Amino acid sequence: MPTEETSTRAPRGTKVVSRAFFAALEGVPEEQRNAVAKAAHAVIRDELKLRRAKTKAGAAKSKGRTPAAKSANGGSKTRRRTA
């Protein structure tokens, strides 16, 4: 009985990023390639965590803000004509 493989589509941009990663890794000497790949993976993971934390902090900060004060002309963005 043949088994079906379930294929999950990767998010948009995954192929481009992975190709760039491996292309850059090809410029590293073979002896160091494994260590460099692990270190780069750790740096990428940490950067993503940092960005997520910043986004969460920004969202929490914006929830606590009060609405912006209206401008002198009552909040209208159109100019009033003066004679």
C-alpha atoms as a PDB file:
ATOM      1  CA  MET A   1       0.000   0.000   0.000  1.00  0.00           C
ATOM      2  CA  PRO A   2       1.643   3.308  -1.053  1.00  0.00           C
ATOM      3  CA  THR A   3       1.877   6.014   1.538  1.00  0.00           C
ATOM      4  CA  GLU A   4       1.079   9.589   0.681  1.00  0.00           C
ATOM      5  CA  GLU A   5       3.497  12.272   1.705  1.00  0.00           C
ATOM      6  CA  THR A   6       1.856  15.356   3.053  1.00  0.00           C
ATOM      7  CA  SER A   7       3.485  18.403   1.629  1.00  0.00           C
ATOM      8  CA  THR A   8       3.335  21.686   3.454  1.00  0.00           C
ATOM      9  CA  ARG A   9       3.952  24.837   1.493  1.00  0.00           C
ATOM     10  CA  ALA A  10       6.636  27.080   2.867  1.00  0.00           C
ATOM     11  CA  PRO A  11       5.802  30.742   3.428  1.00  0.00           C
ATOM     12  CA  ARG A  12       6.458  33.199   0.623  1.00  0.00           C
ATOM     13  CA  GLY A  13      10.103  34.197   0.352  1.00  0.00           C
ATOM     14  CA  THR A  14      11.497  31.066   1.990  1.00  0.00           C
ATOM     15  CA  LYS A  15      13.218  29.807  -1.151  1.00  0.00           C
ATOM     16  CA  VAL A  16      14.894  33.161  -1.816  1.00  0.00           C
ATOM     17  CA  VAL A  17      16.213  33.451   1.739  1.00  0.00           C
ATOM     18  CA  SER A  18      17.463  29.878   1.860  1.00  0.00           C
ATOM     19  CA  ARG A  19      19.205  30.239  -1.501  1.00  0.00           C
ATOM     20  CA  ALA A  20      20.903  33.449  -0.346  1.00  0.00           C
ATOM     21  CA  PHE A  21      21.977  31.754   2.883  1.00  0.00           C
ATOM     22  CA  PHE A  22      23.544  28.797   1.092  1.00  0.00           C
ATOM     23  CA  ALA A  23      25.111  31.003  -1.564  1.00  0.00           C
ATOM     24  CA  ALA A  24      26.803  33.050   1.154  1.00  0.00           C
ATOM     25  CA  LEU A  25      27.829  29.856   2.934  1.00  0.00           C
ATOM     26  CA  GLU A  26      29.613  28.636  -0.197  1.00  0.00           C
ATOM     27  CA  GLY A  27      32.130  31.445   0.261  1.00  0.00           C
ATOM     28  CA  VAL A  28      33.206  29.985   3.607  1.00  0.00           C
ATOM     29  CA  PRO A  29      35.989  27.370   3.693  1.00  0.00           C
ATOM     30  CA  GLU A  30      34.689  23.809   4.024  1.00  0.00           C
ATOM     31  CA  GLU A  31      36.398  23.267   7.403  1.00  0.00           C
ATOM     32  CA  GLN A  32      34.526  26.206   8.970  1.00  0.00           C
ATOM     33  CA  ARG A  33      31.218  25.875   7.115  1.00  0.00           C
ATOM     34  CA  ASN A  34      29.391  23.843   9.781  1.00  0.00           C
ATOM     35  CA  ALA A  35      30.351  26.193  12.614  1.00  0.00           C
ATOM     36  CA  VAL A  36      29.527  29.279  10.561  1.00  0.00           C
ATOM     37  CA  ALA A  37      26.118  27.886   9.597  1.00  0.00           C
ATOM     38  CA  LYS A  38      25.257  27.130  13.234  1.00  0.00           C
ATOM     39  CA  ALA A  39      26.404  30.559  14.383  1.00  0.00           C
ATOM     40  CA  ALA A  40      24.472  32.303  11.607  1.00  0.00           C
ATOM     41  CA  HIS A  41      21.365  30.317  12.472  1.00  0.00           C
ATOM     42  CA  ALA A  42      21.667  31.386  16.118  1.00  0.00           C
ATOM     43  CA  VAL A  43      22.117  35.046  15.148  1.00  0.00           C
ATOM     44  CA  ILE A  44      19.079  34.920  12.855  1.00  0.00           C
ATOM     45  CA  ARG A  45      16.972  33.256  15.556  1.00  0.00           C
ATOM     46  CA  ASP A  46      18.010  35.853  18.155  1.00  0.00           C
ATOM     47  CA  GLU A  47      17.297  38.728  15.769  1.00  0.00           C
ATOM     48  CA  LEU A  48      13.816  37.383  15.053  1.00  0.00           C
ATOM     49  CA  LYS A  49      13.118  37.076  18.798  1.00  0.00           C
ATOM     50  CA  LEU A  50      14.291  40.648  19.325  1.00  0.00           C
ATOM     51  CA  ARG A  51      12.079  41.951  16.520  1.00  0.00           C
ATOM     52  CA  ARG A  52       9.053  40.093  17.909  1.00  0.00           C
ATOM     53  CA  ALA A  53       9.689  41.567  21.350  1.00  0.00           C
ATOM     54  CA  LYS A  54       9.952  45.072  19.892  1.00  0.00           C
ATOM     55  CA  THR A  55       6.706  44.586  17.992  1.00  0.00           C
ATOM     56  CA  LYS A  56       4.938  43.390  21.133  1.00  0.00           C
ATOM     57  CA  ALA A  57       6.292  46.330  23.125  1.00  0.00           C
ATOM     58  CA  GLY A  58       5.179  48.764  20.433  1.00  0.00           C
ATOM     59  CA  ALA A  59       1.691  47.261  20.323  1.00  0.00           C
ATOM     60  CA  ALA A  60       1.376  47.425  24.106  1.00  0.00           C
ATOM     61  CA  LYS A  61       2.610  51.000  24.105  1.00  0.00           C
ATOM     62  CA  SER A  62       0.137  52.055  21.420  1.00  0.00           C
ATOM     63  CA  LYS A  63      -2.761  50.511  23.332  1.00  0.00           C
ATOM     64  CA  GLY A  64      -1.934  52.703  26.306  1.00  0.00           C
ATOM     65  CA  ARG A  65      -1.883  55.928  24.290  1.00  0.00           C
ATOM     66  CA  THR A  66      -4.615  58.504  24.420  1.00  0.00           C
ATOM     67  CA  PRO A  67      -6.190  59.767  21.198  1.00  0.00           C
ATOM     68  CA  ALA A  68      -4.268  62.557  19.517  1.00  0.00           C
ATOM     69  CA  ALA A  69      -5.435  66.084  20.210  1.00  0.00           C
ATOM     70  CA  LYS A  70      -7.406  67.762  17.443  1.00  0.00           C
ATOM     71  CA  SER A  71      -5.836  70.590  15.535  1.00  0.00           C
ATOM     72  CA  ALA A  72      -6.850  74.217  15.928  1.00  0.00           C
ATOM     73  CA  ASN A  73      -9.356  74.014  13.066  1.00  0.00           C
ATOM     74  CA  GLY A  74     -11.373  71.302  14.794  1.00  0.00           C
ATOM     75  CA  GLY A  75      -9.627  68.302  13.274  1.00  0.00           C
ATOM     76  CA  SER A  76     -10.529  69.100   9.686  1.00  0.00           C
ATOM     77  CA  LYS A  77      -7.774  68.366   7.214  1.00  0.00           C
ATOM     78  CA  THR A  78      -9.084  70.797   4.618  1.00  0.00           C
ATOM     79  CA  ARG A  79      -7.967  74.392   4.492  1.00  0.00           C
ATOM     80  CA  ARG A  80     -10.420  77.145   5.132  1.00  0.00           C
ATOM     81  CA  ARG A  81     -10.514  79.975   2.693  1.00  0.00           C
ATOM     82  CA  THR A  82      -9.901  83.408   4.028  1.00  0.00           C
ATOM     83  CA  ALA A  83     -11.047  86.466   2.212  1.00  0.00           C
END
